[in-house]
């Protein structure tokens, strides 16, 4: 990890997401001070379910809902439901700092809300064929695979007519539809109060902040 960070450069603004590998927290604290780190909630749930035998569909639902919560009120609602379902599960979960697994506590400098490391799992599946080769052959296989993938993606992107990626445009269109129900009140200095579905939120365009944290 030290070699990786020497290559990547300054840690500030980088987010690492991993499973709960023993020693990983200490490694991040010692080597990557200033970076954000998270636990993959899918791995967290596997620990929750298999090793500790905290099972049940409702427990699973509440754990995932707590991880996706943006506000303290939503987070505490789902945590309280977990305590009602299984007190020991609640105690175990409270020992895991929220900033490692819930959107509620993610730093705002990271504009990424991912709570699972599916990208890593996808990559591991792709390189399965190369993983048992000698190191040079393995690196050559990965280099060639990436070279072809980048070219394929480049050709696809050049064929697109929009300014934004289709998936991003789709997300924006969805938000635009939801925003039709909102009322905006300007309060000066690039600050606004936005009323949406009976809830008022504060928006500061200078600071790029939003009280709901979404």
N, C-alpha and C. Protein backbone atom coordinates (compact mmCIF):
# COMPACT_ATOMS: atom_id res chain seq x y z
N UNK A 1 0.83 -1.21 0.00
CA UNK A 1 0.00 0.00 0.00
C UNK A 1 0.87 1.26 0.00
N UNK A 2 2.00 1.18 0.67
CA UNK A 2 2.92 2.31 0.67
C UNK A 2 3.44 2.61 -0.72
N UNK A 3 3.80 1.55 -1.46
CA UNK A 3 4.27 1.71 -2.84
C UNK A 3 3.17 2.31 -3.72
N UNK A 4 1.94 1.85 -3.52
CA UNK A 4 0.81 2.38 -4.29
C UNK A 4 0.65 3.88 -4.06
N UNK A 5 0.70 4.30 -2.80
CA UNK A 5 0.49 5.71 -2.49
C UNK A 5 1.65 6.58 -2.94
N UNK A 6 2.88 6.02 -2.98
CA UNK A 6 4.00 6.77 -3.54
C UNK A 6 3.77 7.06 -5.02
N UNK A 7 3.10 6.13 -5.69
CA UNK A 7 2.81 6.28 -7.12
C UNK A 7 1.62 7.20 -7.36
N UNK A 8 0.57 7.04 -6.55
CA UNK A 8 -0.66 7.81 -6.73
C UNK A 8 -0.46 9.27 -6.37
N UNK A 9 0.27 9.55 -5.30
CA UNK A 9 0.50 10.92 -4.89
C UNK A 9 -0.29 11.29 -3.65
N UNK A 10 -0.59 12.59 -3.48
CA UNK A 10 -1.29 13.06 -2.27
C UNK A 10 -2.57 12.28 -2.01
N UNK A 11 -2.82 11.98 -0.74
CA UNK A 11 -3.93 11.10 -0.39
C UNK A 11 -5.25 11.84 -0.31
N UNK A 12 -5.18 13.15 -0.08
CA UNK A 12 -6.41 13.91 0.18
C UNK A 12 -7.37 13.80 -1.00
N UNK A 13 -8.61 13.46 -0.70
CA UNK A 13 -9.62 13.37 -1.75
C UNK A 13 -9.78 11.97 -2.32
N UNK A 14 -8.93 11.04 -1.90
CA UNK A 14 -9.03 9.66 -2.39
C UNK A 14 -9.87 8.85 -1.40
N UNK A 15 -10.76 8.00 -1.92
CA UNK A 15 -11.58 7.14 -1.09
C UNK A 15 -11.23 5.69 -1.36
N UNK A 16 -10.90 4.94 -0.32
CA UNK A 16 -10.65 3.50 -0.42
C UNK A 16 -11.82 2.74 0.18
N UNK A 17 -12.25 1.71 -0.52
CA UNK A 17 -13.32 0.87 0.01
C UNK A 17 -12.84 -0.57 -0.02
N UNK A 18 -13.03 -1.28 1.09
CA UNK A 18 -12.49 -2.63 1.20
C UNK A 18 -13.39 -3.49 2.06
N UNK A 19 -13.06 -4.79 2.15
CA UNK A 19 -13.75 -5.64 3.10
C UNK A 19 -13.14 -5.38 4.49
N UNK A 20 -13.59 -6.12 5.48
CA UNK A 20 -13.08 -5.89 6.84
C UNK A 20 -11.85 -6.75 7.11
N UNK A 21 -10.93 -6.74 6.16
CA UNK A 21 -9.68 -7.50 6.30
C UNK A 21 -8.95 -7.08 7.57
N UNK A 22 -8.50 -8.05 8.34
CA UNK A 22 -7.82 -7.75 9.60
C UNK A 22 -6.58 -6.90 9.33
N UNK A 23 -6.45 -5.81 10.06
CA UNK A 23 -5.29 -4.93 9.91
C UNK A 23 -5.47 -3.83 8.90
N UNK A 24 -6.56 -3.86 8.12
CA UNK A 24 -6.73 -2.84 7.07
C UNK A 24 -6.93 -1.45 7.65
N UNK A 25 -7.68 -1.36 8.76
CA UNK A 25 -7.92 -0.04 9.37
C UNK A 25 -6.61 0.58 9.83
N UNK A 26 -5.76 -0.22 10.49
CA UNK A 26 -4.47 0.28 10.96
C UNK A 26 -3.59 0.71 9.78
N UNK A 27 -3.65 -0.07 8.69
CA UNK A 27 -2.85 0.26 7.51
C UNK A 27 -3.26 1.60 6.94
N UNK A 28 -4.56 1.82 6.81
CA UNK A 28 -5.04 3.09 6.28
C UNK A 28 -4.66 4.24 7.20
N UNK A 29 -4.76 4.03 8.51
CA UNK A 29 -4.42 5.08 9.47
C UNK A 29 -2.95 5.46 9.38
N UNK A 30 -2.09 4.44 9.22
CA UNK A 30 -0.64 4.67 9.25
C UNK A 30 -0.07 5.15 7.92
N UNK A 31 -0.57 4.60 6.83
CA UNK A 31 0.04 4.86 5.52
C UNK A 31 -0.72 5.91 4.72
N UNK A 32 -2.04 5.92 4.87
CA UNK A 32 -2.86 6.79 4.02
C UNK A 32 -3.64 7.81 4.83
N UNK A 33 -2.97 8.44 5.76
CA UNK A 33 -3.60 9.46 6.58
C UNK A 33 -4.11 10.59 5.68
N UNK A 34 -5.36 10.99 5.87
CA UNK A 34 -5.93 12.04 5.05
C UNK A 34 -6.85 11.52 3.96
N UNK A 35 -6.78 10.20 3.69
CA UNK A 35 -7.69 9.62 2.71
C UNK A 35 -8.96 9.16 3.41
N UNK A 36 -10.03 9.01 2.65
CA UNK A 36 -11.27 8.47 3.20
C UNK A 36 -11.26 6.97 3.02
N UNK A 37 -11.88 6.27 3.97
CA UNK A 37 -11.95 4.81 3.82
C UNK A 37 -13.34 4.33 4.21
N UNK A 38 -13.73 3.22 3.61
CA UNK A 38 -15.04 2.64 3.88
C UNK A 38 -14.94 1.12 3.86
N UNK A 39 -15.88 0.51 4.55
CA UNK A 39 -16.05 -0.94 4.46
C UNK A 39 -17.15 -1.23 3.46
N UNK A 40 -16.96 -2.26 2.66
CA UNK A 40 -18.02 -2.70 1.75
C UNK A 40 -19.15 -3.28 2.60
N UNK A 41 -20.36 -2.75 2.43
CA UNK A 41 -21.48 -3.17 3.26
C UNK A 41 -21.88 -4.62 2.96
N UNK A 42 -21.63 -5.07 1.75
CA UNK A 42 -21.94 -6.48 1.43
C UNK A 42 -21.06 -7.41 2.26
N UNK A 43 -19.76 -7.06 2.38
CA UNK A 43 -18.87 -7.86 3.23
C UNK A 43 -19.24 -7.71 4.70
N UNK A 44 -19.63 -6.49 5.07
CA UNK A 44 -20.06 -6.25 6.45
C UNK A 44 -21.26 -7.14 6.78
N UNK A 45 -22.18 -7.22 5.83
CA UNK A 45 -23.37 -8.05 6.05
C UNK A 45 -23.01 -9.53 6.14
N UNK A 46 -22.03 -9.97 5.35
CA UNK A 46 -21.60 -11.38 5.42
C UNK A 46 -21.04 -11.70 6.80
N UNK A 47 -20.23 -10.79 7.36
CA UNK A 47 -19.75 -10.96 8.74
C UNK A 47 -20.93 -11.01 9.70
N UNK A 48 -21.83 -10.10 9.49
CA UNK A 48 -23.04 -9.94 10.29
C UNK A 48 -23.86 -11.24 10.30
N UNK A 49 -23.99 -11.85 9.12
CA UNK A 49 -24.87 -13.01 8.95
C UNK A 49 -24.19 -14.33 9.27
N UNK A 50 -23.01 -14.57 8.70
CA UNK A 50 -22.39 -15.89 8.79
C UNK A 50 -21.58 -16.09 10.07
N UNK A 51 -20.66 -15.16 10.34
CA UNK A 51 -19.77 -15.34 11.48
C UNK A 51 -20.49 -15.13 12.81
N UNK A 52 -21.42 -14.18 12.82
CA UNK A 52 -22.08 -13.83 14.07
C UNK A 52 -23.49 -14.40 14.17
N UNK A 53 -23.96 -14.99 13.05
CA UNK A 53 -25.28 -15.63 13.00
C UNK A 53 -26.42 -14.67 13.33
N UNK A 54 -26.26 -13.41 12.91
CA UNK A 54 -27.37 -12.46 13.01
C UNK A 54 -28.15 -12.55 11.70
N UNK A 55 -29.12 -13.43 11.66
CA UNK A 55 -29.81 -13.73 10.42
C UNK A 55 -31.24 -13.20 10.43
N UNK A 56 -31.84 -13.21 9.24
CA UNK A 56 -33.22 -12.76 9.11
C UNK A 56 -33.34 -11.69 8.04
N UNK A 57 -34.36 -11.79 7.22
CA UNK A 57 -34.55 -10.85 6.12
C UNK A 57 -34.72 -9.41 6.60
N UNK A 58 -35.44 -9.21 7.71
CA UNK A 58 -35.68 -7.86 8.19
C UNK A 58 -34.40 -7.21 8.71
N UNK A 59 -33.55 -8.01 9.37
CA UNK A 59 -32.25 -7.49 9.82
C UNK A 59 -31.42 -7.02 8.63
N UNK A 60 -31.44 -7.83 7.57
CA UNK A 60 -30.70 -7.48 6.36
C UNK A 60 -31.21 -6.17 5.77
N UNK A 61 -32.52 -6.02 5.69
CA UNK A 61 -33.13 -4.82 5.12
C UNK A 61 -32.73 -3.58 5.93
N UNK A 62 -32.81 -3.68 7.26
CA UNK A 62 -32.52 -2.53 8.11
C UNK A 62 -31.04 -2.16 8.05
N UNK A 63 -30.16 -3.15 7.95
CA UNK A 63 -28.72 -2.87 7.83
C UNK A 63 -28.44 -2.10 6.55
N UNK A 64 -29.00 -2.54 5.43
CA UNK A 64 -28.79 -1.86 4.15
C UNK A 64 -29.42 -0.47 4.15
N UNK A 65 -30.59 -0.34 4.75
CA UNK A 65 -31.23 0.98 4.81
C UNK A 65 -30.41 1.95 5.66
N UNK A 66 -29.83 1.44 6.75
CA UNK A 66 -28.98 2.29 7.59
C UNK A 66 -27.74 2.75 6.81
N UNK A 67 -27.19 1.86 5.99
CA UNK A 67 -25.99 2.21 5.21
C UNK A 67 -26.30 3.26 4.16
N UNK A 68 -27.54 3.29 3.67
CA UNK A 68 -27.93 4.23 2.61
C UNK A 68 -28.52 5.52 3.17
N UNK A 69 -28.59 5.65 4.48
CA UNK A 69 -29.20 6.84 5.10
C UNK A 69 -28.27 8.04 4.99
N UNK A 70 -28.85 9.19 4.63
CA UNK A 70 -28.07 10.43 4.51
C UNK A 70 -28.16 11.29 5.76
N UNK A 71 -29.20 11.11 6.56
CA UNK A 71 -29.39 11.96 7.73
C UNK A 71 -29.36 11.14 9.01
N UNK A 72 -29.07 11.82 10.13
CA UNK A 72 -29.01 11.15 11.43
C UNK A 72 -30.37 10.56 11.80
N UNK A 73 -31.44 11.26 11.45
CA UNK A 73 -32.79 10.79 11.80
C UNK A 73 -33.09 9.46 11.11
N UNK A 74 -32.79 9.36 9.80
CA UNK A 74 -33.03 8.12 9.07
C UNK A 74 -32.15 6.99 9.60
N UNK A 75 -30.88 7.31 9.83
CA UNK A 75 -29.94 6.31 10.33
C UNK A 75 -30.40 5.74 11.67
N UNK A 76 -30.76 6.63 12.60
CA UNK A 76 -31.17 6.19 13.93
C UNK A 76 -32.47 5.39 13.88
N UNK A 77 -33.34 5.72 12.93
CA UNK A 77 -34.59 4.98 12.77
C UNK A 77 -34.30 3.51 12.46
N UNK A 78 -33.39 3.26 11.51
CA UNK A 78 -33.10 1.88 11.11
C UNK A 78 -32.24 1.16 12.15
N UNK A 79 -31.34 1.89 12.81
CA UNK A 79 -30.54 1.29 13.88
C UNK A 79 -31.45 0.87 15.04
N UNK A 80 -32.44 1.70 15.36
CA UNK A 80 -33.38 1.37 16.44
C UNK A 80 -34.19 0.11 16.08
N UNK A 81 -34.57 -0.02 14.82
CA UNK A 81 -35.30 -1.22 14.39
C UNK A 81 -34.44 -2.46 14.53
N UNK A 82 -33.13 -2.32 14.27
CA UNK A 82 -32.21 -3.44 14.44
C UNK A 82 -32.14 -3.84 15.91
N UNK A 83 -32.10 -2.85 16.80
CA UNK A 83 -32.04 -3.15 18.24
C UNK A 83 -33.30 -3.87 18.71
N UNK A 84 -34.44 -3.53 18.09
CA UNK A 84 -35.70 -4.20 18.45
C UNK A 84 -35.73 -5.64 17.95
N UNK A 85 -35.05 -5.89 16.82
CA UNK A 85 -35.02 -7.23 16.24
C UNK A 85 -34.00 -8.12 16.94
N UNK A 86 -32.82 -7.55 17.27
CA UNK A 86 -31.74 -8.34 17.87
C UNK A 86 -30.78 -7.40 18.59
N UNK A 87 -30.81 -7.42 19.90
CA UNK A 87 -29.99 -6.51 20.71
C UNK A 87 -28.50 -6.74 20.48
N UNK A 88 -28.07 -8.01 20.37
CA UNK A 88 -26.66 -8.32 20.17
C UNK A 88 -26.17 -7.81 18.81
N UNK A 89 -27.03 -7.93 17.80
CA UNK A 89 -26.68 -7.40 16.47
C UNK A 89 -26.50 -5.89 16.54
N UNK A 90 -27.36 -5.25 17.27
CA UNK A 90 -27.29 -3.80 17.45
C UNK A 90 -25.97 -3.40 18.14
N UNK A 91 -25.60 -4.11 19.20
CA UNK A 91 -24.37 -3.80 19.93
C UNK A 91 -23.15 -3.99 19.05
N UNK A 92 -23.15 -5.06 18.25
CA UNK A 92 -22.02 -5.33 17.35
C UNK A 92 -21.88 -4.23 16.31
N UNK A 93 -23.00 -3.81 15.75
CA UNK A 93 -22.98 -2.80 14.70
C UNK A 93 -22.55 -1.44 15.23
N UNK A 94 -22.95 -1.13 16.47
CA UNK A 94 -22.58 0.15 17.07
C UNK A 94 -21.06 0.27 17.27
N UNK A 95 -20.36 -0.85 17.33
CA UNK A 95 -18.91 -0.82 17.51
C UNK A 95 -18.17 -0.48 16.22
N UNK A 96 -18.89 -0.56 15.08
CA UNK A 96 -18.28 -0.22 13.78
C UNK A 96 -18.58 1.24 13.49
N UNK A 97 -17.56 2.12 13.43
CA UNK A 97 -17.82 3.55 13.22
C UNK A 97 -18.67 3.79 11.98
N UNK A 98 -19.67 4.66 12.09
CA UNK A 98 -20.60 4.92 10.99
C UNK A 98 -19.88 5.46 9.76
N UNK A 99 -18.78 6.21 9.96
CA UNK A 99 -18.09 6.78 8.81
C UNK A 99 -17.47 5.71 7.90
N UNK A 100 -17.41 4.46 8.41
CA UNK A 100 -16.86 3.38 7.59
C UNK A 100 -17.90 2.67 6.76
N UNK A 101 -19.20 2.92 7.02
CA UNK A 101 -20.19 2.13 6.27
C UNK A 101 -21.52 2.83 5.98
N UNK A 102 -21.76 4.02 6.50
CA UNK A 102 -23.04 4.70 6.25
C UNK A 102 -22.85 6.06 5.60
N UNK A 103 -23.68 6.36 4.60
CA UNK A 103 -23.61 7.64 3.90
C UNK A 103 -23.81 8.83 4.85
N UNK A 104 -24.48 8.57 5.94
CA UNK A 104 -24.69 9.61 6.95
C UNK A 104 -23.38 10.29 7.33
N UNK A 105 -22.32 9.51 7.47
CA UNK A 105 -21.07 10.02 8.05
C UNK A 105 -19.93 10.13 7.04
N UNK A 106 -20.20 9.88 5.74
CA UNK A 106 -19.14 10.05 4.75
C UNK A 106 -18.75 11.52 4.67
N UNK A 107 -17.46 11.80 4.49
CA UNK A 107 -17.03 13.19 4.38
C UNK A 107 -17.57 13.79 3.08
N UNK A 108 -17.85 15.08 3.12
CA UNK A 108 -18.43 15.74 1.94
C UNK A 108 -17.40 16.04 0.87
N UNK A 109 -16.11 15.89 1.19
CA UNK A 109 -15.10 16.12 0.14
C UNK A 109 -15.14 15.00 -0.89
N UNK A 110 -15.64 13.84 -0.49
CA UNK A 110 -15.81 12.75 -1.45
C UNK A 110 -17.20 12.86 -2.06
N UNK A 111 -17.25 12.95 -3.39
CA UNK A 111 -18.53 13.08 -4.09
C UNK A 111 -19.00 11.71 -4.58
N UNK A 112 -18.60 10.69 -3.88
CA UNK A 112 -18.95 9.32 -4.25
C UNK A 112 -19.71 8.70 -3.08
N UNK A 113 -20.88 8.14 -3.36
CA UNK A 113 -21.71 7.59 -2.29
C UNK A 113 -21.74 6.06 -2.27
N UNK A 114 -20.80 5.44 -2.97
CA UNK A 114 -20.78 3.98 -3.09
C UNK A 114 -20.60 3.33 -1.72
N UNK A 115 -21.37 2.27 -1.44
CA UNK A 115 -21.24 1.55 -0.17
C UNK A 115 -20.81 0.09 -0.38
N UNK A 116 -20.58 -0.30 -1.64
CA UNK A 116 -20.09 -1.65 -1.93
C UNK A 116 -18.92 -1.57 -2.91
N UNK A 117 -18.06 -2.57 -2.91
CA UNK A 117 -16.91 -2.54 -3.81
C UNK A 117 -17.09 -3.51 -4.99
N UNK A 118 -18.24 -3.41 -5.63
CA UNK A 118 -18.53 -4.26 -6.78
C UNK A 118 -17.54 -4.08 -7.91
N UNK A 119 -16.96 -2.87 -8.04
CA UNK A 119 -15.97 -2.66 -9.10
C UNK A 119 -14.79 -3.60 -8.94
N UNK A 120 -14.35 -3.78 -7.68
CA UNK A 120 -13.24 -4.70 -7.42
C UNK A 120 -13.63 -6.14 -7.74
N UNK A 121 -14.84 -6.52 -7.35
CA UNK A 121 -15.30 -7.87 -7.60
C UNK A 121 -15.40 -8.14 -9.10
N UNK A 122 -15.86 -7.14 -9.86
CA UNK A 122 -15.95 -7.28 -11.32
C UNK A 122 -14.56 -7.45 -11.92
N UNK A 123 -13.62 -6.65 -11.42
CA UNK A 123 -12.25 -6.73 -11.93
C UNK A 123 -11.63 -8.09 -11.60
N UNK A 124 -11.84 -8.59 -10.39
CA UNK A 124 -11.32 -9.90 -10.02
C UNK A 124 -11.86 -10.99 -10.94
N UNK A 125 -13.14 -10.86 -11.31
CA UNK A 125 -13.76 -11.85 -12.21
C UNK A 125 -13.12 -11.77 -13.60
N UNK A 126 -12.81 -10.56 -14.06
CA UNK A 126 -12.22 -10.37 -15.39
C UNK A 126 -10.84 -11.00 -15.47
N UNK A 127 -10.01 -10.80 -14.45
CA UNK A 127 -8.61 -11.26 -14.51
C UNK A 127 -8.41 -12.68 -14.00
N UNK A 128 -9.51 -13.40 -13.79
CA UNK A 128 -9.41 -14.77 -13.27
C UNK A 128 -8.47 -15.62 -14.13
N UNK A 129 -8.58 -15.47 -15.44
CA UNK A 129 -7.74 -16.24 -16.37
C UNK A 129 -6.26 -15.94 -16.21
N UNK A 130 -5.93 -14.71 -15.78
CA UNK A 130 -4.53 -14.29 -15.70
C UNK A 130 -3.89 -14.52 -14.34
N UNK A 131 -4.70 -14.74 -13.33
CA UNK A 131 -4.19 -14.71 -11.96
C UNK A 131 -3.22 -15.84 -11.62
N UNK A 132 -3.29 -16.96 -12.34
CA UNK A 132 -2.39 -18.08 -12.01
C UNK A 132 -1.16 -18.10 -12.90
N UNK A 133 -0.95 -17.05 -13.72
CA UNK A 133 0.20 -17.00 -14.61
C UNK A 133 1.41 -16.40 -13.89
N UNK A 134 2.60 -16.58 -14.46
CA UNK A 134 3.78 -15.92 -13.94
C UNK A 134 3.58 -14.41 -14.04
N UNK A 135 4.28 -13.65 -13.19
CA UNK A 135 3.98 -12.23 -13.03
C UNK A 135 4.05 -11.45 -14.34
N UNK A 136 5.08 -11.69 -15.18
CA UNK A 136 5.21 -10.95 -16.45
C UNK A 136 4.06 -11.28 -17.39
N UNK A 137 3.72 -12.57 -17.50
CA UNK A 137 2.61 -12.98 -18.36
C UNK A 137 1.28 -12.40 -17.85
N UNK A 138 1.16 -12.39 -16.54
CA UNK A 138 -0.07 -11.85 -15.96
C UNK A 138 -0.22 -10.36 -16.28
N UNK A 139 0.87 -9.60 -16.10
CA UNK A 139 0.82 -8.16 -16.37
C UNK A 139 0.58 -7.89 -17.87
N UNK A 140 1.17 -8.71 -18.73
CA UNK A 140 0.96 -8.55 -20.17
C UNK A 140 -0.50 -8.84 -20.54
N UNK A 141 -1.08 -9.84 -19.91
CA UNK A 141 -2.49 -10.17 -20.17
C UNK A 141 -3.38 -8.99 -19.76
N UNK A 142 -3.09 -8.43 -18.58
CA UNK A 142 -3.88 -7.30 -18.09
C UNK A 142 -3.69 -6.08 -18.98
N UNK A 143 -2.44 -5.81 -19.39
CA UNK A 143 -2.16 -4.66 -20.27
C UNK A 143 -2.95 -4.77 -21.57
N UNK A 144 -2.92 -5.95 -22.18
CA UNK A 144 -3.60 -6.13 -23.46
C UNK A 144 -5.12 -6.02 -23.29
N UNK A 145 -5.61 -6.60 -22.22
CA UNK A 145 -7.06 -6.52 -21.96
C UNK A 145 -7.50 -5.07 -21.81
N UNK A 146 -6.75 -4.27 -21.05
CA UNK A 146 -7.11 -2.87 -20.84
C UNK A 146 -6.98 -2.06 -22.13
N UNK A 147 -5.94 -2.35 -22.89
CA UNK A 147 -5.74 -1.65 -24.16
C UNK A 147 -6.95 -1.84 -25.08
N UNK A 148 -7.42 -3.07 -25.22
CA UNK A 148 -8.57 -3.36 -26.07
C UNK A 148 -9.85 -2.76 -25.50
N UNK A 149 -9.99 -2.83 -24.18
CA UNK A 149 -11.19 -2.28 -23.54
C UNK A 149 -11.27 -0.76 -23.72
N UNK A 150 -10.13 -0.08 -23.51
CA UNK A 150 -10.11 1.38 -23.67
C UNK A 150 -10.50 1.79 -25.09
N UNK A 151 -9.97 1.05 -26.08
CA UNK A 151 -10.28 1.39 -27.47
C UNK A 151 -11.75 1.14 -27.78
N UNK A 152 -12.27 0.04 -27.28
CA UNK A 152 -13.69 -0.29 -27.47
C UNK A 152 -14.58 0.79 -26.86
N UNK A 153 -14.24 1.22 -25.64
CA UNK A 153 -15.02 2.26 -24.96
C UNK A 153 -14.90 3.60 -25.69
N UNK A 154 -13.70 3.89 -26.21
CA UNK A 154 -13.49 5.15 -26.92
C UNK A 154 -14.38 5.21 -28.16
N UNK A 155 -14.42 4.12 -28.92
CA UNK A 155 -15.25 4.08 -30.12
C UNK A 155 -16.73 4.24 -29.77
N UNK A 156 -17.15 3.61 -28.69
CA UNK A 156 -18.55 3.74 -28.26
C UNK A 156 -18.87 5.17 -27.87
N UNK A 157 -17.96 5.82 -27.11
CA UNK A 157 -18.20 7.19 -26.66
C UNK A 157 -18.25 8.17 -27.83
N UNK A 158 -17.42 7.94 -28.83
CA UNK A 158 -17.42 8.82 -30.01
C UNK A 158 -18.72 8.70 -30.80
N UNK A 159 -19.40 7.58 -30.63
CA UNK A 159 -20.65 7.38 -31.36
C UNK A 159 -21.85 8.05 -30.68
N UNK A 160 -21.65 8.54 -29.45
CA UNK A 160 -22.73 9.16 -28.70
C UNK A 160 -22.89 10.63 -29.10
N UNK A 161 -24.13 11.11 -29.09
CA UNK A 161 -24.43 12.48 -29.51
C UNK A 161 -24.54 13.46 -28.34
N UNK A 162 -24.83 12.96 -27.15
CA UNK A 162 -25.06 13.85 -26.01
C UNK A 162 -23.75 14.32 -25.39
N UNK A 163 -23.84 15.42 -24.60
CA UNK A 163 -22.65 15.94 -23.91
C UNK A 163 -22.29 15.08 -22.70
N UNK A 164 -23.27 14.38 -22.14
CA UNK A 164 -23.05 13.56 -20.95
C UNK A 164 -23.18 12.08 -21.28
N UNK A 165 -22.59 11.24 -20.42
CA UNK A 165 -22.76 9.80 -20.58
C UNK A 165 -24.25 9.45 -20.44
N UNK A 166 -24.75 8.47 -21.20
CA UNK A 166 -26.17 8.13 -21.14
C UNK A 166 -26.68 7.82 -19.73
N UNK A 167 -25.91 7.10 -18.93
CA UNK A 167 -26.36 6.75 -17.58
C UNK A 167 -26.47 7.99 -16.70
N UNK A 168 -25.50 8.92 -16.85
CA UNK A 168 -25.53 10.16 -16.08
C UNK A 168 -26.73 11.00 -16.52
N UNK A 169 -26.96 11.06 -17.83
CA UNK A 169 -28.11 11.81 -18.34
C UNK A 169 -29.42 11.23 -17.82
N UNK A 170 -29.49 9.90 -17.75
CA UNK A 170 -30.68 9.23 -17.24
C UNK A 170 -30.93 9.60 -15.78
N UNK A 171 -29.85 9.65 -14.99
CA UNK A 171 -29.97 10.02 -13.57
C UNK A 171 -30.45 11.47 -13.43
N UNK A 172 -29.90 12.36 -14.25
CA UNK A 172 -30.29 13.76 -14.20
C UNK A 172 -31.75 13.95 -14.60
N UNK A 173 -32.19 13.20 -15.60
CA UNK A 173 -33.59 13.29 -16.03
C UNK A 173 -34.54 12.86 -14.90
N UNK A 174 -34.13 11.84 -14.16
CA UNK A 174 -34.94 11.36 -13.03
C UNK A 174 -35.03 12.44 -11.95
N UNK A 175 -33.90 13.08 -11.65
CA UNK A 175 -33.87 14.13 -10.64
C UNK A 175 -34.71 15.34 -11.09
N UNK A 176 -34.65 15.65 -12.37
CA UNK A 176 -35.43 16.77 -12.92
C UNK A 176 -36.93 16.54 -12.71
N UNK A 177 -37.36 15.30 -12.91
CA UNK A 177 -38.77 14.97 -12.71
C UNK A 177 -39.16 15.15 -11.24
N UNK A 178 -38.28 14.70 -10.33
CA UNK A 178 -38.55 14.84 -8.89
C UNK A 178 -38.56 16.32 -8.48
N UNK A 179 -37.69 17.12 -9.11
CA UNK A 179 -37.55 18.53 -8.75
C UNK A 179 -38.77 19.36 -9.14
N UNK A 180 -39.60 18.85 -10.01
CA UNK A 180 -40.80 19.58 -10.43
C UNK A 180 -41.74 19.83 -9.25
N UNK A 181 -41.62 19.02 -8.20
CA UNK A 181 -42.49 19.15 -7.03
C UNK A 181 -41.90 20.10 -5.97
N UNK A 182 -40.73 20.68 -6.25
CA UNK A 182 -40.05 21.51 -5.26
C UNK A 182 -40.30 23.01 -5.50
N UNK A 183 -40.30 23.78 -4.41
CA UNK A 183 -40.38 25.23 -4.48
C UNK A 183 -39.07 25.81 -3.94
N UNK A 184 -38.53 26.77 -4.66
CA UNK A 184 -37.22 27.35 -4.31
C UNK A 184 -37.39 28.79 -3.86
N UNK A 185 -36.77 29.12 -2.71
CA UNK A 185 -36.83 30.48 -2.16
C UNK A 185 -35.41 31.00 -1.98
N UNK A 186 -35.09 32.09 -2.67
CA UNK A 186 -33.76 32.69 -2.59
C UNK A 186 -33.63 33.52 -1.32
N UNK A 187 -32.59 33.28 -0.53
CA UNK A 187 -32.42 34.02 0.74
C UNK A 187 -31.13 34.84 0.75
N UNK A 188 -30.49 35.00 -0.42
CA UNK A 188 -29.30 35.84 -0.52
C UNK A 188 -28.00 35.09 -0.42
N UNK A 189 -26.94 35.68 -1.05
CA UNK A 189 -25.58 35.15 -0.98
C UNK A 189 -25.52 33.68 -1.45
N UNK A 190 -26.20 33.42 -2.56
CA UNK A 190 -26.18 32.07 -3.15
C UNK A 190 -26.77 31.00 -2.24
N UNK A 191 -27.61 31.40 -1.31
CA UNK A 191 -28.27 30.45 -0.41
C UNK A 191 -29.76 30.38 -0.75
N UNK A 192 -30.32 29.18 -0.61
CA UNK A 192 -31.71 28.94 -0.95
C UNK A 192 -32.36 28.02 0.08
N UNK A 193 -33.68 28.21 0.24
CA UNK A 193 -34.47 27.23 0.97
C UNK A 193 -35.32 26.50 -0.07
N UNK A 194 -35.23 25.18 -0.04
CA UNK A 194 -35.97 24.36 -1.01
C UNK A 194 -36.99 23.52 -0.26
N UNK A 195 -38.24 23.69 -0.62
CA UNK A 195 -39.32 22.90 -0.03
C UNK A 195 -39.69 21.77 -1.00
N UNK A 196 -39.60 20.56 -0.47
CA UNK A 196 -39.86 19.40 -1.33
C UNK A 196 -40.59 18.34 -0.52
N UNK A 197 -41.78 17.96 -0.98
CA UNK A 197 -42.57 16.90 -0.33
C UNK A 197 -42.76 17.18 1.16
N UNK A 198 -43.00 18.44 1.51
CA UNK A 198 -43.28 18.82 2.89
C UNK A 198 -42.06 19.00 3.76
N UNK A 199 -40.88 18.91 3.19
CA UNK A 199 -39.63 19.06 3.96
C UNK A 199 -38.85 20.24 3.41
N UNK A 200 -38.29 21.06 4.30
CA UNK A 200 -37.47 22.20 3.88
C UNK A 200 -35.99 21.86 4.02
N UNK A 201 -35.22 22.18 2.99
CA UNK A 201 -33.78 21.93 3.01
C UNK A 201 -33.03 23.22 2.67
N UNK A 202 -31.82 23.36 3.21
CA UNK A 202 -30.98 24.52 2.92
C UNK A 202 -29.95 24.14 1.85
N UNK A 203 -29.81 25.02 0.87
CA UNK A 203 -28.85 24.81 -0.21
C UNK A 203 -27.91 26.01 -0.27
N UNK A 204 -26.61 25.75 -0.29
CA UNK A 204 -25.61 26.81 -0.40
C UNK A 204 -24.77 26.51 -1.65
N UNK A 205 -24.97 27.28 -2.71
CA UNK A 205 -24.26 27.01 -3.97
C UNK A 205 -22.78 27.35 -3.87
N UNK A 206 -22.43 28.36 -3.03
CA UNK A 206 -21.02 28.70 -2.86
C UNK A 206 -20.24 27.53 -2.25
N UNK A 207 -20.81 26.94 -1.20
CA UNK A 207 -20.14 25.84 -0.50
C UNK A 207 -20.47 24.48 -1.12
N UNK A 208 -21.40 24.50 -2.10
CA UNK A 208 -21.86 23.25 -2.73
C UNK A 208 -22.37 22.27 -1.66
N UNK A 209 -23.15 22.81 -0.73
CA UNK A 209 -23.68 21.97 0.36
C UNK A 209 -25.20 21.93 0.32
N UNK A 210 -25.74 20.87 0.87
CA UNK A 210 -27.18 20.61 0.86
C UNK A 210 -27.50 19.92 2.18
N UNK A 211 -28.40 20.48 2.96
CA UNK A 211 -28.61 19.98 4.31
C UNK A 211 -29.07 18.52 4.36
N UNK A 212 -29.68 18.02 3.30
CA UNK A 212 -30.11 16.61 3.30
C UNK A 212 -28.94 15.68 3.01
N UNK A 213 -27.81 16.23 2.54
CA UNK A 213 -26.58 15.49 2.23
C UNK A 213 -26.69 14.56 1.03
N UNK A 214 -27.83 14.56 0.36
CA UNK A 214 -27.95 13.64 -0.80
C UNK A 214 -26.98 14.09 -1.90
